[in-house]
Amino acid sequence: MCQTVDLRQAVLARNDDAARELRATLTARRTVAVNLLSSPGSGKTALLEAELGLARQRGVAVAALTADLATENDALRLARSGAPVKQVLTDGLCHLEARMLAGHLDGWLPQDCRLLFVENVGNLVCPASYDLGESLRVVLASVTEGEDKPLKYPTAFGLANLVLVTKADLAAAAEFDRAAFLANVQRVNPGVEVVHTSARTGDGVGALLERALSVLDGAEVHRPVMAAHPHGGHHHTVQAPR
């Protein structure tokens, strides 16, 4: 058992080293990376497509990398925004890692890119422990997933710099208890901002873009309490590109 724990710690430590290198590289080129985590079916791709389209309309140099176990369906959807998009097939791996991401960005990421959205593999367990060198970590949950999601996945929600609720237009039909969800988020991540969105109606669309642009302009991000404990979940010090 101890050997298993030690091996996990070593893997995460190596990933943290790679993440620091990637974060420094992105900071030097003035690119903000946004790591998007959610369970499958949360509506992450639909919301990201809307945010990319809005960024393009506003003249923001933006790109997206999306990861899945199989198919290029999400990349094809995101490419409709007109932004540069790259699909990564993980071949069974349930999460992205910093060195893997750096390899896929090398030679592909446009030099003038200011915002890079990374759509992680749909999973709230494995991806939560891996720093990707991001400047902003966002966790999404749809109203159809239940109010106790933050309590079931405390590492994912506990390390978020921002939480987005998706499919808000279905809240009444799903009997979503907004107050209970917000209380549960605050239990695992006191002080984190929660924004309600609907890609279908447009409510809240643009909030993710605005938060990412504010980080690009040097704004401080929310610092989760859990982030102070290395590999009780992951931790990192965020640097905004200058």
C-alpha atoms as a PDB file:
ATOM      1  CA  MET A   1       0.000   0.000   0.000  1.00  0.00           C
ATOM      2  CA  CYS A   2       2.797   2.426   0.900  1.00  0.00           C
ATOM      3  CA  GLN A   3       4.566   1.688  -2.379  1.00  0.00           C
ATOM      4  CA  THR A   4       1.358   2.481  -4.285  1.00  0.00           C
ATOM      5  CA  VAL A   5       0.971   5.809  -2.477  1.00  0.00           C
ATOM      6  CA  ASP A   6       4.644   6.673  -2.983  1.00  0.00           C
ATOM      7  CA  LEU A   7       4.395   5.895  -6.704  1.00  0.00           C
ATOM      8  CA  ARG A   8       1.330   8.142  -7.064  1.00  0.00           C
ATOM      9  CA  GLN A   9       3.125  10.958  -5.248  1.00  0.00           C
ATOM     10  CA  ALA A  10       6.136  10.573  -7.551  1.00  0.00           C
ATOM     11  CA  VAL A  11       3.940  10.664 -10.669  1.00  0.00           C
ATOM     12  CA  LEU A  12       2.145  13.777  -9.463  1.00  0.00           C
ATOM     13  CA  ALA A  13       5.432  15.442  -8.480  1.00  0.00           C
ATOM     14  CA  ARG A  14       6.843  14.855 -11.983  1.00  0.00           C
ATOM     15  CA  ASN A  15       3.659  16.255 -13.447  1.00  0.00           C
ATOM     16  CA  ASP A  16       3.926  19.340 -11.223  1.00  0.00           C
ATOM     17  CA  ASP A  17       7.455  19.936 -12.521  1.00  0.00           C
ATOM     18  CA  ALA A  18       6.235  19.717 -16.119  1.00  0.00           C
ATOM     19  CA  ALA A  19       3.292  21.984 -15.302  1.00  0.00           C
ATOM     20  CA  ARG A  20       5.582  24.653 -13.859  1.00  0.00           C
ATOM     21  CA  GLU A  21       7.677  24.563 -17.033  1.00  0.00           C
ATOM     22  CA  LEU A  22       4.611  24.840 -19.261  1.00  0.00           C
ATOM     23  CA  ARG A  23       3.128  27.648 -17.158  1.00  0.00           C
ATOM     24  CA  ALA A  24       6.380  29.585 -17.425  1.00  0.00           C
ATOM     25  CA  THR A  25       6.428  29.065 -21.197  1.00  0.00           C
ATOM     26  CA  LEU A  26       2.834  30.229 -21.605  1.00  0.00           C
ATOM     27  CA  THR A  27       3.372  33.187 -19.286  1.00  0.00           C
ATOM     28  CA  ALA A  28       6.404  34.280 -21.293  1.00  0.00           C
ATOM     29  CA  ARG A  29       4.364  34.287 -24.495  1.00  0.00           C
ATOM     30  CA  ARG A  30       1.438  36.007 -22.710  1.00  0.00           C
ATOM     31  CA  THR A  31      -1.037  33.160 -23.088  1.00  0.00           C
ATOM     32  CA  VAL A  32      -3.614  32.250 -20.454  1.00  0.00           C
ATOM     33  CA  ALA A  33      -4.522  28.560 -20.330  1.00  0.00           C
ATOM     34  CA  VAL A  34      -7.954  27.637 -18.987  1.00  0.00           C
ATOM     35  CA  ASN A  35      -8.433  24.049 -17.819  1.00  0.00           C
ATOM     36  CA  LEU A  36     -12.089  22.949 -18.096  1.00  0.00           C
ATOM     37  CA  LEU A  37     -13.164  19.921 -16.039  1.00  0.00           C
ATOM     38  CA  SER A  38     -16.553  18.245 -15.877  1.00  0.00           C
ATOM     39  CA  SER A  39     -18.285  14.903 -16.001  1.00  0.00           C
ATOM     40  CA  PRO A  40     -19.486  13.584 -19.398  1.00  0.00           C
ATOM     41  CA  GLY A  41     -22.660  15.201 -20.679  1.00  0.00           C
ATOM     42  CA  SER A  42     -22.365  18.377 -18.632  1.00  0.00           C
ATOM     43  CA  GLY A  43     -22.741  20.643 -21.664  1.00  0.00           C
ATOM     44  CA  LYS A  44     -19.098  21.709 -21.525  1.00  0.00           C
ATOM     45  CA  THR A  45     -18.582  21.549 -25.299  1.00  0.00           C
ATOM     46  CA  ALA A  46     -21.755  23.508 -26.095  1.00  0.00           C
ATOM     47  CA  LEU A  47     -20.790  26.277 -23.684  1.00  0.00           C
ATOM     48  CA  LEU A  48     -17.193  26.361 -24.934  1.00  0.00           C
ATOM     49  CA  GLU A  49     -18.378  26.624 -28.548  1.00  0.00           C
ATOM     50  CA  ALA A  50     -20.456  29.671 -27.587  1.00  0.00           C
ATOM     51  CA  GLU A  51     -17.549  31.246 -25.678  1.00  0.00           C
ATOM     52  CA  LEU A  52     -15.150  30.692 -28.594  1.00  0.00           C
ATOM     53  CA  GLY A  53     -17.621  32.275 -31.002  1.00  0.00           C
ATOM     54  CA  LEU A  54     -17.988  35.295 -28.742  1.00  0.00           C
ATOM     55  CA  ALA A  55     -14.210  35.610 -28.422  1.00  0.00           C
ATOM     56  CA  ARG A  56     -13.852  35.574 -32.197  1.00  0.00           C
ATOM     57  CA  GLN A  57     -16.528  38.250 -32.545  1.00  0.00           C
ATOM     58  CA  ARG A  58     -14.601  40.435 -30.128  1.00  0.00           C
ATOM     59  CA  GLY A  59     -11.311  39.913 -31.938  1.00  0.00           C
ATOM     60  CA  VAL A  60      -9.684  37.909 -29.127  1.00  0.00           C
ATOM     61  CA  ALA A  61      -6.953  35.547 -30.345  1.00  0.00           C
ATOM     62  CA  VAL A  62      -8.230  32.271 -28.919  1.00  0.00           C
ATOM     63  CA  ALA A  63      -7.637  28.548 -29.469  1.00  0.00           C
ATOM     64  CA  ALA A  64      -9.004  25.309 -28.021  1.00  0.00           C
ATOM     65  CA  LEU A  65      -7.610  21.857 -27.409  1.00  0.00           C
ATOM     66  CA  THR A  66     -10.095  19.127 -26.581  1.00  0.00           C
ATOM     67  CA  ALA A  67      -9.322  15.676 -25.197  1.00  0.00           C
ATOM     68  CA  ASP A  68     -11.380  12.502 -25.470  1.00  0.00           C
ATOM     69  CA  LEU A  69     -10.819   8.782 -25.292  1.00  0.00           C
ATOM     70  CA  ALA A  70     -12.189   8.422 -28.819  1.00  0.00           C
ATOM     71  CA  THR A  71     -13.846  10.317 -31.738  1.00  0.00           C
ATOM     72  CA  GLU A  72     -13.229  13.836 -33.002  1.00  0.00           C
ATOM     73  CA  ASN A  73     -16.822  14.929 -32.449  1.00  0.00           C
ATOM     74  CA  ASP A  74     -16.039  17.710 -29.977  1.00  0.00           C
ATOM     75  CA  ALA A  75     -13.279  19.199 -32.131  1.00  0.00           C
ATOM     76  CA  LEU A  76     -15.611  19.303 -35.129  1.00  0.00           C
ATOM     77  CA  ARG A  77     -18.201  21.153 -33.064  1.00  0.00           C
ATOM     78  CA  LEU A  78     -15.712  23.635 -31.622  1.00  0.00           C
ATOM     79  CA  ALA A  79     -14.170  24.311 -35.044  1.00  0.00           C
ATOM     80  CA  ARG A  80     -17.498  25.811 -36.145  1.00  0.00           C
ATOM     81  CA  SER A  81     -16.527  28.858 -34.068  1.00  0.00           C
ATOM     82  CA  GLY A  82     -13.686  29.603 -36.485  1.00  0.00           C
ATOM     83  CA  ALA A  83     -11.053  29.315 -33.740  1.00  0.00           C
ATOM     84  CA  PRO A  84      -8.012  27.033 -34.144  1.00  0.00           C
ATOM     85  CA  VAL A  85      -8.950  23.694 -32.581  1.00  0.00           C
ATOM     86  CA  LYS A  86      -6.958  20.528 -31.935  1.00  0.00           C
ATOM     87  CA  GLN A  87      -8.341  17.138 -30.935  1.00  0.00           C
ATOM     88  CA  VAL A  88      -6.280  14.915 -28.643  1.00  0.00           C
ATOM     89  CA  LEU A  89      -7.235  11.247 -28.407  1.00  0.00           C
ATOM     90  CA  THR A  90      -5.910   9.847 -25.149  1.00  0.00           C
ATOM     91  CA  ASP A  91      -6.215   6.207 -26.235  1.00  0.00           C
ATOM     92  CA  GLY A  92      -7.871   5.151 -23.009  1.00  0.00           C
ATOM     93  CA  LEU A  93      -6.144   7.529 -20.594  1.00  0.00           C
ATOM     94  CA  CYS A  94      -8.752   9.211 -18.391  1.00  0.00           C
ATOM     95  CA  HIS A  95      -6.995  12.580 -18.100  1.00  0.00           C
ATOM     96  CA  LEU A  96      -4.486  14.947 -19.656  1.00  0.00           C
ATOM     97  CA  GLU A  97      -1.050  15.469 -18.124  1.00  0.00           C
ATOM     98  CA  ALA A  98       1.167  18.540 -18.364  1.00  0.00           C
ATOM     99  CA  ARG A  99       3.920  16.950 -20.461  1.00  0.00           C
ATOM    100  CA  MET A 100       1.327  15.483 -22.815  1.00  0.00           C
ATOM    101  CA  LEU A 101      -0.339  18.869 -23.239  1.00  0.00           C
ATOM    102  CA  ALA A 102       2.981  20.610 -23.843  1.00  0.00           C
ATOM    103  CA  GLY A 103       3.805  18.124 -26.580  1.00  0.00           C
ATOM    104  CA  HIS A 104       0.526  18.749 -28.365  1.00  0.00           C
ATOM    105  CA  LEU A 105       0.900  22.528 -28.120  1.00  0.00           C
ATOM    106  CA  ASP A 106       4.455  22.495 -29.504  1.00  0.00           C
ATOM    107  CA  GLY A 107       4.368  23.618 -33.123  1.00  0.00           C
ATOM    108  CA  TRP A 108       0.575  23.984 -33.134  1.00  0.00           C
ATOM    109  CA  LEU A 109      -0.462  26.795 -30.784  1.00  0.00           C
ATOM    110  CA  PRO A 110      -0.606  30.058 -32.772  1.00  0.00           C
ATOM    111  CA  GLN A 111       2.005  32.523 -31.576  1.00  0.00           C
ATOM    112  CA  ASP A 112      -0.525  35.309 -31.135  1.00  0.00           C
ATOM    113  CA  CYS A 113      -2.911  33.157 -29.066  1.00  0.00           C
ATOM    114  CA  ARG A 114      -3.909  34.930 -25.873  1.00  0.00           C
ATOM    115  CA  LEU A 115      -6.489  32.482 -24.504  1.00  0.00           C
ATOM    116  CA  LEU A 116      -6.128  28.713 -24.707  1.00  0.00           C
ATOM    117  CA  PHE A 117      -9.123  26.682 -23.566  1.00  0.00           C
ATOM    118  CA  VAL A 118      -8.303  23.070 -22.702  1.00  0.00           C
ATOM    119  CA  GLU A 119     -11.357  20.815 -22.612  1.00  0.00           C
ATOM    120  CA  ASN A 120     -10.160  17.982 -20.419  1.00  0.00           C
ATOM    121  CA  VAL A 121     -11.433  14.408 -20.641  1.00  0.00           C
ATOM    122  CA  GLY A 122     -14.960  14.108 -19.246  1.00  0.00           C
ATOM    123  CA  ASN A 123     -14.178  12.879 -15.740  1.00  0.00           C
ATOM    124  CA  LEU A 124     -14.193  14.511 -12.307  1.00  0.00           C
ATOM    125  CA  VAL A 125     -11.768  12.071 -10.672  1.00  0.00           C
ATOM    126  CA  CYS A 126      -8.409  11.635 -12.436  1.00  0.00           C
ATOM    127  CA  PRO A 127      -8.100  15.092 -14.077  1.00  0.00           C
ATOM    128  CA  ALA A 128      -8.610  16.822 -10.726  1.00  0.00           C
ATOM    129  CA  SER A 129      -5.146  15.841  -9.449  1.00  0.00           C
ATOM    130  CA  TYR A 130      -3.185  16.937 -12.518  1.00  0.00           C
ATOM    131  CA  ASP A 131      -1.962  20.508 -12.911  1.00  0.00           C
ATOM    132  CA  LEU A 132      -1.763  21.307 -16.629  1.00  0.00           C
ATOM    133  CA  GLY A 133       0.086  24.589 -16.262  1.00  0.00           C
ATOM    134  CA  GLU A 134      -3.194  26.477 -16.422  1.00  0.00           C
ATOM    135  CA  SER A 135      -3.784  29.968 -15.099  1.00  0.00           C
ATOM    136  CA  LEU A 136      -7.480  29.337 -14.511  1.00  0.00           C
ATOM    137  CA  ARG A 137      -9.122  26.051 -13.494  1.00  0.00           C
ATOM    138  CA  VAL A 138     -12.863  25.862 -14.110  1.00  0.00           C
ATOM    139  CA  VAL A 139     -15.194  23.068 -13.007  1.00  0.00           C
ATOM    140  CA  LEU A 140     -18.594  22.714 -14.641  1.00  0.00           C
ATOM    141  CA  ALA A 141     -21.693  20.867 -13.423  1.00  0.00           C
ATOM    142  CA  SER A 142     -25.110  20.738 -15.047  1.00  0.00           C
ATOM    143  CA  VAL A 143     -28.347  21.181 -13.141  1.00  0.00           C
ATOM    144  CA  THR A 144     -29.288  17.620 -14.117  1.00  0.00           C
ATOM    145  CA  GLU A 145     -26.382  16.109 -12.154  1.00  0.00           C
ATOM    146  CA  GLY A 146     -27.652  16.818  -8.652  1.00  0.00           C
ATOM    147  CA  GLU A 147     -26.851  19.295  -5.906  1.00  0.00           C
ATOM    148  CA  ASP A 148     -24.461  16.931  -4.098  1.00  0.00           C
ATOM    149  CA  LYS A 149     -21.909  16.793  -6.935  1.00  0.00           C
ATOM    150  CA  PRO A 150     -19.391  19.017  -5.079  1.00  0.00           C
ATOM    151  CA  LEU A 151     -19.525  16.715  -2.058  1.00  0.00           C
ATOM    152  CA  LYS A 152     -19.054  13.587  -4.162  1.00  0.00           C
ATOM    153  CA  TYR A 153     -16.062  15.082  -5.998  1.00  0.00           C
ATOM    154  CA  PRO A 154     -14.438  17.353  -3.406  1.00  0.00           C
ATOM    155  CA  THR A 155     -11.013  17.450  -5.074  1.00  0.00           C
ATOM    156  CA  ALA A 156     -12.387  18.622  -8.415  1.00  0.00           C
ATOM    157  CA  PHE A 157     -14.605  21.306  -6.906  1.00  0.00           C
ATOM    158  CA  GLY A 158     -12.227  22.066  -4.059  1.00  0.00           C
ATOM    159  CA  LEU A 159      -9.406  23.085  -6.424  1.00  0.00           C
ATOM    160  CA  ALA A 160     -11.512  25.186  -8.801  1.00  0.00           C
ATOM    161  CA  ASN A 161     -10.809  28.874  -9.362  1.00  0.00           C
ATOM    162  CA  LEU A 162     -14.303  29.203 -10.831  1.00  0.00           C
ATOM    163  CA  VAL A 163     -17.419  26.994 -10.913  1.00  0.00           C
ATOM    164  CA  LEU A 164     -19.931  27.118 -13.761  1.00  0.00           C
ATOM    165  CA  VAL A 165     -23.420  25.649 -13.554  1.00  0.00           C
ATOM    166  CA  THR A 166     -24.596  24.581 -17.018  1.00  0.00           C
ATOM    167  CA  LYS A 167     -28.006  23.874 -18.588  1.00  0.00           C
ATOM    168  CA  ALA A 168     -29.602  26.402 -16.246  1.00  0.00           C
ATOM    169  CA  ASP A 169     -32.654  26.497 -18.535  1.00  0.00           C
ATOM    170  CA  LEU A 170     -33.467  22.960 -17.286  1.00  0.00           C
ATOM    171  CA  ALA A 171     -33.254  23.859 -13.597  1.00  0.00           C
ATOM    172  CA  ALA A 172     -37.003  23.864 -12.981  1.00  0.00           C
ATOM    173  CA  ALA A 173     -37.602  20.613 -14.852  1.00  0.00           C
ATOM    174  CA  ALA A 174     -34.726  18.965 -12.979  1.00  0.00           C
ATOM    175  CA  GLU A 175     -35.962  20.392  -9.655  1.00  0.00           C
ATOM    176  CA  PHE A 176     -32.477  21.760  -9.118  1.00  0.00           C
ATOM    177  CA  ASP A 177     -31.984  23.228  -5.646  1.00  0.00           C
ATOM    178  CA  ARG A 178     -29.713  26.175  -6.346  1.00  0.00           C
ATOM    179  CA  ALA A 179     -29.228  27.126  -2.707  1.00  0.00           C
ATOM    180  CA  ALA A 180     -28.231  23.577  -1.760  1.00  0.00           C
ATOM    181  CA  PHE A 181     -25.732  23.379  -4.607  1.00  0.00           C
ATOM    182  CA  LEU A 182     -24.154  26.709  -3.680  1.00  0.00           C
ATOM    183  CA  ALA A 183     -23.902  25.648  -0.043  1.00  0.00           C
ATOM    184  CA  ASN A 184     -22.197  22.403  -1.031  1.00  0.00           C
ATOM    185  CA  VAL A 185     -19.707  24.234  -3.257  1.00  0.00           C
ATOM    186  CA  GLN A 186     -18.835  26.584  -0.404  1.00  0.00           C
ATOM    187  CA  ARG A 187     -18.304  23.629   1.951  1.00  0.00           C
ATOM    188  CA  VAL A 188     -15.453  22.296  -0.199  1.00  0.00           C
ATOM    189  CA  ASN A 189     -14.203  25.599  -1.665  1.00  0.00           C
ATOM    190  CA  PRO A 190     -15.085  28.649   0.467  1.00  0.00           C
ATOM    191  CA  GLY A 191     -15.281  31.884  -1.494  1.00  0.00           C
ATOM    192  CA  VAL A 192     -15.192  30.456  -5.010  1.00  0.00           C
ATOM    193  CA  GLU A 193     -17.411  32.224  -7.560  1.00  0.00           C
ATOM    194  CA  VAL A 194     -20.305  30.242  -9.035  1.00  0.00           C
ATOM    195  CA  VAL A 195     -21.893  31.381 -12.321  1.00  0.00           C
ATOM    196  CA  HIS A 196     -25.093  29.931 -13.791  1.00  0.00           C
ATOM    197  CA  THR A 197     -25.118  29.503 -17.567  1.00  0.00           C
ATOM    198  CA  SER A 198     -27.203  28.166 -20.429  1.00  0.00           C
ATOM    199  CA  ALA A 199     -25.709  27.677 -23.868  1.00  0.00           C
ATOM    200  CA  ARG A 200     -29.269  27.213 -25.186  1.00  0.00           C
ATOM    201  CA  THR A 201     -30.665  30.565 -24.000  1.00  0.00           C
ATOM    202  CA  GLY A 202     -27.397  32.492 -23.819  1.00  0.00           C
ATOM    203  CA  ASP A 203     -27.758  33.227 -20.111  1.00  0.00           C
ATOM    204  CA  GLY A 204     -24.322  33.562 -18.545  1.00  0.00           C
ATOM    205  CA  VAL A 205     -22.537  33.046 -21.866  1.00  0.00           C
ATOM    206  CA  GLY A 206     -19.505  35.315 -21.921  1.00  0.00           C
ATOM    207  CA  ALA A 207     -18.784  34.989 -18.202  1.00  0.00           C
ATOM    208  CA  LEU A 208     -16.042  32.432 -18.820  1.00  0.00           C
ATOM    209  CA  LEU A 209     -14.472  34.637 -21.488  1.00  0.00           C
ATOM    210  CA  GLU A 210     -14.595  37.673 -19.195  1.00  0.00           C
ATOM    211  CA  ARG A 211     -12.955  35.807 -16.316  1.00  0.00           C
ATOM    212  CA  ALA A 212     -10.191  34.517 -18.600  1.00  0.00           C
ATOM    213  CA  LEU A 213      -9.569  37.975 -20.045  1.00  0.00           C
ATOM    214  CA  SER A 214      -9.340  39.436 -16.553  1.00  0.00           C
ATOM    215  CA  VAL A 215      -6.593  36.918 -15.721  1.00  0.00           C
ATOM    216  CA  LEU A 216      -4.842  37.940 -18.936  1.00  0.00           C
ATOM    217  CA  ASP A 217      -4.991  41.538 -17.686  1.00  0.00           C
ATOM    218  CA  GLY A 218      -3.340  40.538 -14.413  1.00  0.00           C
ATOM    219  CA  ALA A 219      -6.315  39.962 -12.120  1.00  0.00           C
ATOM    220  CA  GLU A 220      -5.805  37.646  -9.163  1.00  0.00           C
ATOM    221  CA  VAL A 221      -7.705  34.364  -9.268  1.00  0.00           C
ATOM    222  CA  HIS A 222      -9.495  32.766  -6.360  1.00  0.00           C
ATOM    223  CA  ARG A 223      -7.075  30.664  -4.307  1.00  0.00           C
ATOM    224  CA  PRO A 224      -8.769  27.516  -2.988  1.00  0.00           C
ATOM    225  CA  VAL A 225      -7.990  26.481   0.574  1.00  0.00           C
ATOM    226  CA  MET A 226      -7.342  22.938  -0.638  1.00  0.00           C
ATOM    227  CA  ALA A 227      -4.600  24.181  -2.957  1.00  0.00           C
ATOM    228  CA  ALA A 228      -2.382  24.841   0.048  1.00  0.00           C
ATOM    229  CA  HIS A 229      -2.040  21.096   0.636  1.00  0.00           C
ATOM    230  CA  PRO A 230       0.096  19.456  -2.078  1.00  0.00           C
ATOM    231  CA  HIS A 231      -1.446  16.245  -3.391  1.00  0.00           C
ATOM    232  CA  GLY A 232      -4.261  16.310  -0.908  1.00  0.00           C
ATOM    233  CA  GLY A 233      -5.087  17.502  -4.346  1.00  0.00           C
ATOM    234  CA  HIS A 234      -2.865  19.396  -6.708  1.00  0.00           C
ATOM    235  CA  HIS A 235      -1.577  22.846  -6.006  1.00  0.00           C
ATOM    236  CA  HIS A 236       0.124  25.549  -7.961  1.00  0.00           C
ATOM    237  CA  THR A 237       0.901  29.225  -7.869  1.00  0.00           C
ATOM    238  CA  VAL A 238      -0.893  31.067 -10.641  1.00  0.00           C
ATOM    239  CA  GLN A 239       1.010  33.589 -12.687  1.00  0.00           C
ATOM    240  CA  ALA A 240      -0.942  35.900 -14.949  1.00  0.00           C
ATOM    241  CA  PRO A 241       0.808  36.659 -18.249  1.00  0.00           C
ATOM    242  CA  ARG A 242       2.155  40.194 -18.453  1.00  0.00           C
END
